[in-house]
Amino acid sequence: MTNAVMKISDDIDVSTMPNARAYTKRGATVAVKMVRPFSVTTQYGVVMQGDAGDYLCQGPVGPKDKYPCKASVFENTYRDSAILYDGNVG
């Protein structure tokens, strides 16, 4: 048996692979649409830039789990959870 790394083609549709399943993330992402360009340091120490109109997101890990997200990506990926944000992300 070989331990060779499987090369995954850029155009592969994972949903067509055998045993593929749909998963959802646990926890909530809290976000705000920014009106000015911004920069944020991610939990991995990487400084990332966002443009006016992009979203500043905070993931379920908490305050250190921040990242920018392009408006077009955010608006096609996330939906309003229809619950009131009470300050608890996890």
N, C-alpha and C. Protein backbone atom coordinates (compact mmCIF):
# COMPACT_ATOMS: atom_id res chain seq x y z
N MET A 1 0.85 -1.19 0.00
CA MET A 1 0.00 0.00 0.00
C MET A 1 0.88 1.24 0.00
N THR A 2 0.52 2.20 -0.79
CA THR A 2 1.32 3.42 -0.90
C THR A 2 0.70 4.56 -0.10
N ASN A 3 1.53 5.46 0.36
CA ASN A 3 1.08 6.65 1.08
C ASN A 3 1.21 7.88 0.21
N ALA A 4 1.15 7.69 -1.10
CA ALA A 4 1.30 8.81 -2.03
C ALA A 4 0.17 9.82 -1.81
N VAL A 5 0.53 11.09 -1.95
CA VAL A 5 -0.45 12.17 -1.80
C VAL A 5 -1.33 12.22 -3.03
N MET A 6 -2.64 12.30 -2.83
CA MET A 6 -3.59 12.38 -3.94
C MET A 6 -3.68 13.82 -4.41
N LYS A 7 -3.41 14.04 -5.67
CA LYS A 7 -3.53 15.38 -6.26
C LYS A 7 -4.99 15.60 -6.65
N ILE A 8 -5.59 16.65 -6.11
CA ILE A 8 -6.98 16.98 -6.40
C ILE A 8 -6.99 18.09 -7.45
N SER A 9 -7.65 17.84 -8.54
CA SER A 9 -7.74 18.80 -9.63
C SER A 9 -8.54 20.03 -9.19
N ASP A 10 -8.16 21.19 -9.70
CA ASP A 10 -8.85 22.44 -9.36
C ASP A 10 -10.31 22.43 -9.79
N ASP A 11 -10.64 21.66 -10.83
CA ASP A 11 -12.01 21.69 -11.34
C ASP A 11 -12.87 20.53 -10.82
N ILE A 12 -12.38 19.78 -9.82
CA ILE A 12 -13.16 18.67 -9.28
C ILE A 12 -14.33 19.21 -8.47
N ASP A 13 -15.49 18.62 -8.64
CA ASP A 13 -16.67 18.97 -7.86
C ASP A 13 -16.76 17.93 -6.75
N VAL A 14 -16.45 18.34 -5.52
CA VAL A 14 -16.41 17.40 -4.39
C VAL A 14 -17.76 16.71 -4.20
N SER A 15 -18.86 17.38 -4.54
CA SER A 15 -20.18 16.78 -4.34
C SER A 15 -20.40 15.55 -5.21
N THR A 16 -19.58 15.36 -6.23
CA THR A 16 -19.73 14.19 -7.10
C THR A 16 -18.86 13.01 -6.66
N MET A 17 -18.06 13.20 -5.64
CA MET A 17 -17.17 12.13 -5.17
C MET A 17 -17.96 11.10 -4.37
N PRO A 18 -17.55 9.83 -4.43
CA PRO A 18 -18.23 8.80 -3.64
C PRO A 18 -18.21 9.16 -2.16
N ASN A 19 -19.30 8.89 -1.48
CA ASN A 19 -19.43 9.13 -0.04
C ASN A 19 -19.42 10.60 0.37
N ALA A 20 -19.59 11.52 -0.58
CA ALA A 20 -19.65 12.93 -0.25
C ALA A 20 -20.92 13.21 0.54
N ARG A 21 -20.82 14.06 1.55
CA ARG A 21 -21.96 14.44 2.39
C ARG A 21 -21.94 15.93 2.61
N ALA A 22 -23.09 16.51 2.89
CA ALA A 22 -23.19 17.93 3.22
C ALA A 22 -23.02 18.10 4.73
N TYR A 23 -22.26 19.11 5.12
CA TYR A 23 -22.02 19.40 6.53
C TYR A 23 -22.32 20.88 6.79
N THR A 24 -22.69 21.20 8.01
CA THR A 24 -22.84 22.59 8.42
C THR A 24 -21.87 22.85 9.55
N LYS A 25 -21.48 24.10 9.68
CA LYS A 25 -20.56 24.48 10.76
C LYS A 25 -21.33 24.63 12.07
N ARG A 26 -20.65 24.38 13.14
CA ARG A 26 -21.22 24.61 14.46
C ARG A 26 -20.92 26.04 14.87
N GLY A 27 -21.78 26.60 15.66
CA GLY A 27 -21.57 27.96 16.13
C GLY A 27 -22.02 28.97 15.10
N ALA A 28 -21.86 30.20 15.44
CA ALA A 28 -22.33 31.29 14.59
C ALA A 28 -21.18 32.18 14.16
N THR A 29 -21.35 32.78 13.01
CA THR A 29 -20.44 33.82 12.57
C THR A 29 -21.17 35.15 12.74
N VAL A 30 -20.53 36.07 13.42
CA VAL A 30 -21.08 37.41 13.60
C VAL A 30 -20.33 38.31 12.64
N ALA A 31 -21.02 39.19 11.95
CA ALA A 31 -20.35 40.01 10.94
C ALA A 31 -20.96 41.41 10.88
N VAL A 32 -20.15 42.32 10.39
CA VAL A 32 -20.61 43.68 10.15
C VAL A 32 -20.06 44.14 8.80
N LYS A 33 -20.90 44.78 8.01
CA LYS A 33 -20.46 45.32 6.72
C LYS A 33 -19.73 46.63 6.99
N MET A 34 -18.47 46.69 6.57
CA MET A 34 -17.62 47.85 6.88
C MET A 34 -17.83 48.97 5.86
N VAL A 35 -17.80 50.19 6.33
CA VAL A 35 -18.01 51.34 5.44
C VAL A 35 -16.68 51.94 4.98
N ARG A 36 -15.57 51.52 5.58
CA ARG A 36 -14.24 52.01 5.19
C ARG A 36 -13.30 50.83 5.01
N PRO A 37 -12.23 51.02 4.24
CA PRO A 37 -11.20 49.96 4.15
C PRO A 37 -10.68 49.65 5.55
N PHE A 38 -10.27 48.40 5.77
CA PHE A 38 -9.81 48.01 7.10
C PHE A 38 -8.77 46.91 7.00
N SER A 39 -8.06 46.70 8.08
CA SER A 39 -7.16 45.56 8.19
C SER A 39 -7.43 44.88 9.52
N VAL A 40 -7.19 43.58 9.56
CA VAL A 40 -7.44 42.81 10.77
C VAL A 40 -6.38 41.71 10.85
N THR A 41 -5.95 41.42 12.06
CA THR A 41 -5.01 40.33 12.28
C THR A 41 -5.82 39.09 12.63
N THR A 42 -5.64 38.02 11.86
CA THR A 42 -6.39 36.78 12.08
C THR A 42 -5.83 36.04 13.29
N GLN A 43 -6.53 34.99 13.68
CA GLN A 43 -6.07 34.18 14.82
C GLN A 43 -4.74 33.50 14.54
N TYR A 44 -4.34 33.47 13.27
CA TYR A 44 -3.07 32.85 12.89
C TYR A 44 -1.94 33.87 12.76
N GLY A 45 -2.25 35.14 13.10
CA GLY A 45 -1.24 36.19 13.07
C GLY A 45 -1.03 36.82 11.71
N VAL A 46 -1.90 36.51 10.75
CA VAL A 46 -1.80 37.06 9.40
C VAL A 46 -2.63 38.34 9.33
N VAL A 47 -2.03 39.42 8.83
CA VAL A 47 -2.76 40.67 8.66
C VAL A 47 -3.44 40.62 7.29
N MET A 48 -4.77 40.77 7.29
CA MET A 48 -5.54 40.73 6.04
C MET A 48 -6.26 42.06 5.85
N GLN A 49 -6.45 42.42 4.61
CA GLN A 49 -7.08 43.69 4.25
C GLN A 49 -8.51 43.47 3.78
N GLY A 50 -9.37 44.43 4.08
CA GLY A 50 -10.73 44.43 3.58
C GLY A 50 -11.03 45.78 2.96
N ASP A 51 -11.89 45.80 1.97
CA ASP A 51 -12.29 47.04 1.32
C ASP A 51 -13.59 47.55 1.92
N ALA A 52 -13.89 48.81 1.67
CA ALA A 52 -15.20 49.33 2.05
C ALA A 52 -16.25 48.46 1.38
N GLY A 53 -17.26 48.06 2.15
CA GLY A 53 -18.31 47.18 1.63
C GLY A 53 -18.08 45.71 1.94
N ASP A 54 -16.84 45.34 2.29
CA ASP A 54 -16.56 43.97 2.71
C ASP A 54 -17.05 43.77 4.14
N TYR A 55 -17.10 42.52 4.56
CA TYR A 55 -17.56 42.19 5.90
C TYR A 55 -16.39 41.85 6.81
N LEU A 56 -16.46 42.32 8.04
CA LEU A 56 -15.55 41.89 9.09
C LEU A 56 -16.30 40.80 9.84
N CYS A 57 -15.74 39.59 9.83
CA CYS A 57 -16.41 38.44 10.43
C CYS A 57 -15.68 37.99 11.68
N GLN A 58 -16.45 37.47 12.62
CA GLN A 58 -15.90 36.83 13.81
C GLN A 58 -16.53 35.46 13.91
N GLY A 59 -15.70 34.44 13.88
CA GLY A 59 -16.18 33.07 13.92
C GLY A 59 -16.48 32.59 15.32
N PRO A 60 -16.89 31.33 15.44
CA PRO A 60 -17.33 30.78 16.72
C PRO A 60 -16.22 30.60 17.75
N VAL A 61 -14.95 30.70 17.33
CA VAL A 61 -13.86 30.56 18.29
C VAL A 61 -13.83 31.73 19.26
N GLY A 62 -14.29 32.90 18.81
CA GLY A 62 -14.36 34.07 19.68
C GLY A 62 -13.60 35.25 19.12
N PRO A 63 -13.30 36.24 19.98
CA PRO A 63 -12.72 37.51 19.53
C PRO A 63 -11.44 37.41 18.70
N LYS A 64 -10.65 36.38 18.88
CA LYS A 64 -9.42 36.25 18.09
C LYS A 64 -9.70 35.67 16.70
N ASP A 65 -10.89 35.14 16.48
CA ASP A 65 -11.26 34.49 15.22
C ASP A 65 -11.93 35.51 14.29
N LYS A 66 -11.12 36.49 13.83
CA LYS A 66 -11.63 37.55 12.95
C LYS A 66 -10.99 37.43 11.58
N TYR A 67 -11.76 37.79 10.55
CA TYR A 67 -11.25 37.76 9.19
C TYR A 67 -12.15 38.60 8.30
N PRO A 68 -11.57 39.15 7.21
CA PRO A 68 -12.39 39.89 6.24
C PRO A 68 -13.02 38.93 5.25
N CYS A 69 -14.14 39.32 4.68
CA CYS A 69 -14.81 38.51 3.66
C CYS A 69 -15.38 39.45 2.61
N LYS A 70 -15.06 39.20 1.35
CA LYS A 70 -15.59 40.02 0.26
C LYS A 70 -17.11 39.99 0.31
N ALA A 71 -17.74 41.12 0.03
CA ALA A 71 -19.20 41.23 0.10
C ALA A 71 -19.88 40.19 -0.78
N SER A 72 -19.38 39.99 -1.99
CA SER A 72 -20.02 39.04 -2.91
C SER A 72 -19.95 37.62 -2.36
N VAL A 73 -18.84 37.26 -1.74
CA VAL A 73 -18.69 35.93 -1.15
C VAL A 73 -19.59 35.80 0.07
N PHE A 74 -19.54 36.80 0.94
CA PHE A 74 -20.35 36.76 2.16
C PHE A 74 -21.83 36.63 1.84
N GLU A 75 -22.31 37.48 0.95
CA GLU A 75 -23.74 37.53 0.65
C GLU A 75 -24.24 36.28 -0.08
N ASN A 76 -23.33 35.51 -0.68
CA ASN A 76 -23.72 34.26 -1.32
C ASN A 76 -23.46 33.03 -0.45
N THR A 77 -22.79 33.24 0.69
CA THR A 77 -22.42 32.13 1.56
C THR A 77 -23.22 32.11 2.86
N TYR A 78 -23.39 33.26 3.45
CA TYR A 78 -24.05 33.36 4.75
C TYR A 78 -25.49 33.84 4.59
N ARG A 79 -26.30 33.52 5.57
CA ARG A 79 -27.65 34.06 5.62
C ARG A 79 -27.91 34.48 7.05
N ASP A 80 -28.82 35.40 7.22
CA ASP A 80 -29.18 35.89 8.54
C ASP A 80 -29.76 34.72 9.32
N SER A 81 -29.28 34.53 10.52
CA SER A 81 -29.74 33.39 11.31
C SER A 81 -31.12 33.62 11.91
N ALA A 82 -31.66 34.82 11.77
CA ALA A 82 -32.99 35.17 12.28
C ALA A 82 -33.08 35.05 13.79
N ILE A 83 -31.93 35.14 14.47
CA ILE A 83 -31.96 35.20 15.92
C ILE A 83 -31.27 36.48 16.35
N LEU A 84 -31.62 36.97 17.49
CA LEU A 84 -30.98 38.17 17.99
C LEU A 84 -29.60 37.82 18.53
N TYR A 85 -28.64 38.61 18.17
CA TYR A 85 -27.27 38.40 18.66
C TYR A 85 -27.21 38.88 20.11
N ASP A 86 -26.85 37.99 21.02
CA ASP A 86 -26.81 38.33 22.44
C ASP A 86 -25.39 38.46 22.97
N GLY A 87 -24.40 38.47 22.07
CA GLY A 87 -23.01 38.56 22.50
C GLY A 87 -22.32 37.21 22.61
N ASN A 88 -23.07 36.13 22.55
CA ASN A 88 -22.50 34.78 22.60
C ASN A 88 -22.37 34.23 21.20
N VAL A 89 -21.14 33.93 20.80
CA VAL A 89 -20.90 33.48 19.43
C VAL A 89 -20.90 31.97 19.34
N GLY A 90 -20.44 31.27 20.37
CA GLY A 90 -20.25 29.83 20.29
C GLY A 90 -21.48 29.00 20.38
